[in-house]
Amino acid sequence: ELLSARFGLPPLRSTDTLDAVAATPELAETLGVAAGAPLILMRRLALTHDDVPLELTEEYVRPDRGRYRIALVAEASMIELKDGPD
């Protein structure tokens, strides 16, 4: 909301990438797990008008304490309607 209201830069779309990774000793201490424990690494790239990058984040999540909900929506330009069978 702040980026949209104050700067006119709404996040229009983003791409999230999820990977399974092993906890480094530093991450393990921070997240309270053993070194080498499985984690989920989520990287997000959010874009605004003309595909200008707006946000780049990396987030490490314990699989036992996180949940992701992913909604897939087709853009109007990707939907093709046809009349009858081909």
N, C-alpha and C. Protein backbone atom coordinates (compact mmCIF):
# COMPACT_ATOMS: atom_id res chain seq x y z
N GLU A 1 0.82 -1.20 0.00
CA GLU A 1 0.00 0.00 0.00
C GLU A 1 0.86 1.26 0.00
N LEU A 2 1.92 1.25 0.79
CA LEU A 2 2.81 2.42 0.86
C LEU A 2 3.44 2.70 -0.50
N LEU A 3 3.95 1.67 -1.15
CA LEU A 3 4.58 1.88 -2.46
C LEU A 3 3.58 2.40 -3.48
N SER A 4 2.35 1.92 -3.42
CA SER A 4 1.32 2.39 -4.34
C SER A 4 0.89 3.81 -4.05
N ALA A 5 0.54 4.08 -2.78
CA ALA A 5 -0.01 5.38 -2.41
C ALA A 5 1.02 6.50 -2.45
N ARG A 6 2.18 6.26 -1.90
CA ARG A 6 3.17 7.34 -1.79
C ARG A 6 4.03 7.52 -3.03
N PHE A 7 4.36 6.42 -3.68
CA PHE A 7 5.31 6.50 -4.78
C PHE A 7 4.72 6.13 -6.14
N GLY A 8 3.47 5.69 -6.16
CA GLY A 8 2.86 5.30 -7.43
C GLY A 8 3.48 4.07 -8.05
N LEU A 9 4.00 3.18 -7.20
CA LEU A 9 4.67 1.97 -7.67
C LEU A 9 3.97 0.73 -7.11
N PRO A 10 2.84 0.36 -7.67
CA PRO A 10 2.16 -0.83 -7.17
C PRO A 10 2.87 -2.10 -7.63
N PRO A 11 2.99 -3.10 -6.75
CA PRO A 11 3.49 -4.39 -7.22
C PRO A 11 2.41 -5.03 -8.09
N LEU A 12 2.68 -5.17 -9.38
CA LEU A 12 1.67 -5.67 -10.31
C LEU A 12 1.73 -7.18 -10.50
N ARG A 13 2.91 -7.75 -10.37
CA ARG A 13 3.05 -9.20 -10.46
C ARG A 13 4.35 -9.62 -9.81
N SER A 14 4.40 -10.86 -9.42
CA SER A 14 5.63 -11.38 -8.82
C SER A 14 5.82 -12.83 -9.23
N THR A 15 7.05 -13.25 -9.14
CA THR A 15 7.40 -14.64 -9.37
C THR A 15 8.07 -15.14 -8.11
N ASP A 16 7.52 -16.21 -7.55
CA ASP A 16 8.10 -16.83 -6.37
C ASP A 16 8.72 -18.15 -6.78
N THR A 17 9.91 -18.43 -6.27
CA THR A 17 10.59 -19.69 -6.52
C THR A 17 10.84 -20.35 -5.18
N LEU A 18 10.43 -21.61 -5.04
CA LEU A 18 10.62 -22.36 -3.80
C LEU A 18 11.63 -23.47 -4.02
N ASP A 19 12.61 -23.54 -3.13
CA ASP A 19 13.64 -24.58 -3.21
C ASP A 19 13.82 -25.21 -1.84
N ALA A 20 14.13 -26.50 -1.83
CA ALA A 20 14.52 -27.17 -0.60
C ALA A 20 16.02 -26.99 -0.43
N VAL A 21 16.44 -26.53 0.75
CA VAL A 21 17.86 -26.31 1.02
C VAL A 21 18.20 -26.86 2.40
N ALA A 22 19.48 -27.03 2.65
CA ALA A 22 19.96 -27.46 3.97
C ALA A 22 20.36 -26.23 4.78
N ALA A 23 20.03 -26.24 6.06
CA ALA A 23 20.36 -25.12 6.93
C ALA A 23 21.85 -25.01 7.14
N THR A 24 22.38 -23.82 6.89
CA THR A 24 23.77 -23.54 7.23
C THR A 24 23.86 -23.42 8.76
N PRO A 25 25.05 -23.47 9.33
CA PRO A 25 25.16 -23.31 10.78
C PRO A 25 24.53 -22.00 11.27
N GLU A 26 24.71 -20.91 10.54
CA GLU A 26 24.14 -19.62 10.94
C GLU A 26 22.60 -19.64 10.89
N LEU A 27 22.04 -20.16 9.80
CA LEU A 27 20.58 -20.27 9.69
C LEU A 27 20.03 -21.22 10.75
N ALA A 28 20.73 -22.32 10.99
CA ALA A 28 20.29 -23.29 11.98
C ALA A 28 20.17 -22.64 13.35
N GLU A 29 21.14 -21.85 13.72
CA GLU A 29 21.10 -21.17 15.02
C GLU A 29 19.94 -20.17 15.07
N THR A 30 19.78 -19.40 14.02
CA THR A 30 18.71 -18.40 13.96
C THR A 30 17.33 -19.04 14.03
N LEU A 31 17.15 -20.15 13.32
CA LEU A 31 15.82 -20.78 13.23
C LEU A 31 15.60 -21.89 14.25
N GLY A 32 16.61 -22.19 15.06
CA GLY A 32 16.45 -23.20 16.10
C GLY A 32 16.34 -24.62 15.58
N VAL A 33 17.14 -24.92 14.56
CA VAL A 33 17.18 -26.28 14.01
C VAL A 33 18.63 -26.74 13.96
N ALA A 34 18.83 -28.02 13.66
CA ALA A 34 20.18 -28.54 13.52
C ALA A 34 20.79 -28.11 12.19
N ALA A 35 22.08 -27.93 12.17
CA ALA A 35 22.77 -27.63 10.91
C ALA A 35 22.50 -28.79 9.94
N GLY A 36 22.18 -28.46 8.71
CA GLY A 36 21.86 -29.47 7.71
C GLY A 36 20.39 -29.82 7.65
N ALA A 37 19.59 -29.31 8.59
CA ALA A 37 18.15 -29.60 8.59
C ALA A 37 17.51 -29.02 7.32
N PRO A 38 16.44 -29.64 6.82
CA PRO A 38 15.79 -29.11 5.62
C PRO A 38 15.06 -27.80 5.90
N LEU A 39 15.20 -26.88 4.97
CA LEU A 39 14.49 -25.60 5.00
C LEU A 39 13.89 -25.35 3.63
N ILE A 40 12.93 -24.45 3.59
CA ILE A 40 12.40 -23.99 2.31
C ILE A 40 12.92 -22.58 2.08
N LEU A 41 13.52 -22.37 0.94
CA LEU A 41 13.99 -21.04 0.54
C LEU A 41 13.01 -20.50 -0.49
N MET A 42 12.38 -19.37 -0.15
CA MET A 42 11.44 -18.73 -1.07
C MET A 42 12.08 -17.44 -1.55
N ARG A 43 12.23 -17.33 -2.86
CA ARG A 43 12.73 -16.10 -3.47
C ARG A 43 11.58 -15.45 -4.23
N ARG A 44 11.41 -14.14 -4.05
CA ARG A 44 10.34 -13.42 -4.74
C ARG A 44 10.93 -12.24 -5.49
N LEU A 45 10.49 -12.10 -6.74
CA LEU A 45 10.79 -10.92 -7.55
C LEU A 45 9.46 -10.30 -7.91
N ALA A 46 9.19 -9.11 -7.40
CA ALA A 46 7.96 -8.39 -7.70
C ALA A 46 8.28 -7.27 -8.67
N LEU A 47 7.38 -7.08 -9.63
CA LEU A 47 7.58 -6.09 -10.68
C LEU A 47 6.42 -5.09 -10.68
N THR A 48 6.72 -3.88 -11.13
CA THR A 48 5.70 -2.86 -11.29
C THR A 48 5.58 -2.53 -12.78
N HIS A 49 5.11 -1.37 -13.11
CA HIS A 49 4.90 -0.96 -14.51
C HIS A 49 6.15 -1.18 -15.35
N ASP A 50 5.94 -1.61 -16.60
CA ASP A 50 7.02 -1.85 -17.55
C ASP A 50 8.05 -2.85 -17.04
N ASP A 51 7.60 -3.76 -16.18
CA ASP A 51 8.46 -4.81 -15.63
C ASP A 51 9.67 -4.27 -14.86
N VAL A 52 9.51 -3.14 -14.22
CA VAL A 52 10.57 -2.58 -13.38
C VAL A 52 10.60 -3.36 -12.06
N PRO A 53 11.75 -3.92 -11.66
CA PRO A 53 11.84 -4.64 -10.40
C PRO A 53 11.53 -3.73 -9.22
N LEU A 54 10.74 -4.24 -8.30
CA LEU A 54 10.30 -3.45 -7.16
C LEU A 54 10.72 -4.09 -5.85
N GLU A 55 10.75 -5.41 -5.81
CA GLU A 55 11.08 -6.12 -4.57
C GLU A 55 11.82 -7.40 -4.92
N LEU A 56 12.88 -7.66 -4.19
CA LEU A 56 13.60 -8.92 -4.31
C LEU A 56 13.83 -9.42 -2.89
N THR A 57 13.26 -10.57 -2.55
CA THR A 57 13.39 -11.07 -1.19
C THR A 57 13.85 -12.52 -1.20
N GLU A 58 14.49 -12.91 -0.12
CA GLU A 58 14.83 -14.30 0.16
C GLU A 58 14.33 -14.58 1.57
N GLU A 59 13.58 -15.66 1.69
CA GLU A 59 12.97 -16.00 2.97
C GLU A 59 13.23 -17.48 3.24
N TYR A 60 13.77 -17.78 4.41
CA TYR A 60 14.01 -19.16 4.80
C TYR A 60 12.94 -19.58 5.80
N VAL A 61 12.33 -20.74 5.55
CA VAL A 61 11.21 -21.18 6.38
C VAL A 61 11.43 -22.62 6.81
N ARG A 62 11.15 -22.88 8.08
CA ARG A 62 11.14 -24.26 8.56
C ARG A 62 9.90 -24.95 8.00
N PRO A 63 10.06 -26.11 7.37
CA PRO A 63 8.90 -26.78 6.79
C PRO A 63 7.83 -27.15 7.82
N ASP A 64 8.23 -27.34 9.07
CA ASP A 64 7.26 -27.70 10.09
C ASP A 64 6.50 -26.50 10.65
N ARG A 65 6.86 -25.30 10.21
CA ARG A 65 6.21 -24.10 10.73
C ARG A 65 5.72 -23.16 9.64
N GLY A 66 5.73 -23.59 8.42
CA GLY A 66 5.31 -22.69 7.34
C GLY A 66 4.30 -23.36 6.43
N ARG A 67 3.54 -22.53 5.77
CA ARG A 67 2.59 -23.03 4.78
C ARG A 67 2.49 -21.98 3.68
N TYR A 68 2.46 -22.45 2.45
CA TYR A 68 2.30 -21.55 1.32
C TYR A 68 1.00 -21.86 0.62
N ARG A 69 0.31 -20.84 0.22
CA ARG A 69 -0.89 -20.98 -0.60
C ARG A 69 -0.57 -20.32 -1.93
N ILE A 70 -0.74 -21.06 -3.00
CA ILE A 70 -0.38 -20.55 -4.31
C ILE A 70 -1.64 -20.52 -5.18
N ALA A 71 -1.97 -19.35 -5.66
CA ALA A 71 -3.12 -19.19 -6.55
C ALA A 71 -2.60 -18.92 -7.95
N LEU A 72 -3.11 -19.65 -8.90
CA LEU A 72 -2.72 -19.47 -10.29
C LEU A 72 -3.87 -18.83 -11.05
N VAL A 73 -3.56 -17.75 -11.75
CA VAL A 73 -4.58 -17.02 -12.49
C VAL A 73 -4.04 -16.76 -13.89
N ALA A 74 -4.82 -17.10 -14.89
CA ALA A 74 -4.42 -16.84 -16.26
C ALA A 74 -4.71 -15.38 -16.59
N GLU A 75 -3.77 -14.74 -17.25
CA GLU A 75 -4.00 -13.38 -17.71
C GLU A 75 -4.90 -13.42 -18.93
N ALA A 76 -5.68 -12.38 -19.13
CA ALA A 76 -6.62 -12.34 -20.25
C ALA A 76 -5.93 -12.63 -21.57
N SER A 77 -4.70 -12.15 -21.74
CA SER A 77 -3.98 -12.34 -23.00
C SER A 77 -3.59 -13.80 -23.22
N MET A 78 -3.69 -14.64 -22.18
CA MET A 78 -3.28 -16.03 -22.30
C MET A 78 -4.48 -16.94 -22.56
N ILE A 79 -5.68 -16.41 -22.53
CA ILE A 79 -6.88 -17.22 -22.70
C ILE A 79 -7.37 -17.05 -24.14
N GLU A 80 -7.59 -18.18 -24.80
CA GLU A 80 -8.08 -18.15 -26.18
C GLU A 80 -9.40 -18.90 -26.23
N LEU A 81 -10.43 -18.25 -26.67
CA LEU A 81 -11.74 -18.89 -26.81
C LEU A 81 -11.94 -19.27 -28.26
N LYS A 82 -12.49 -20.48 -28.48
CA LYS A 82 -12.71 -20.97 -29.83
C LYS A 82 -14.18 -21.28 -30.01
N ASP A 83 -14.66 -21.13 -31.23
CA ASP A 83 -16.03 -21.49 -31.58
C ASP A 83 -16.06 -22.93 -32.06
N GLY A 84 -16.64 -23.80 -31.28
CA GLY A 84 -16.83 -25.18 -31.68
C GLY A 84 -15.55 -25.97 -31.77
N PRO A 85 -15.67 -27.30 -32.07
CA PRO A 85 -14.48 -28.15 -32.18
C PRO A 85 -13.70 -27.86 -33.45
N ASP A 86 -12.41 -28.12 -33.37
CA ASP A 86 -11.53 -27.92 -34.55
C ASP A 86 -11.58 -29.10 -35.45
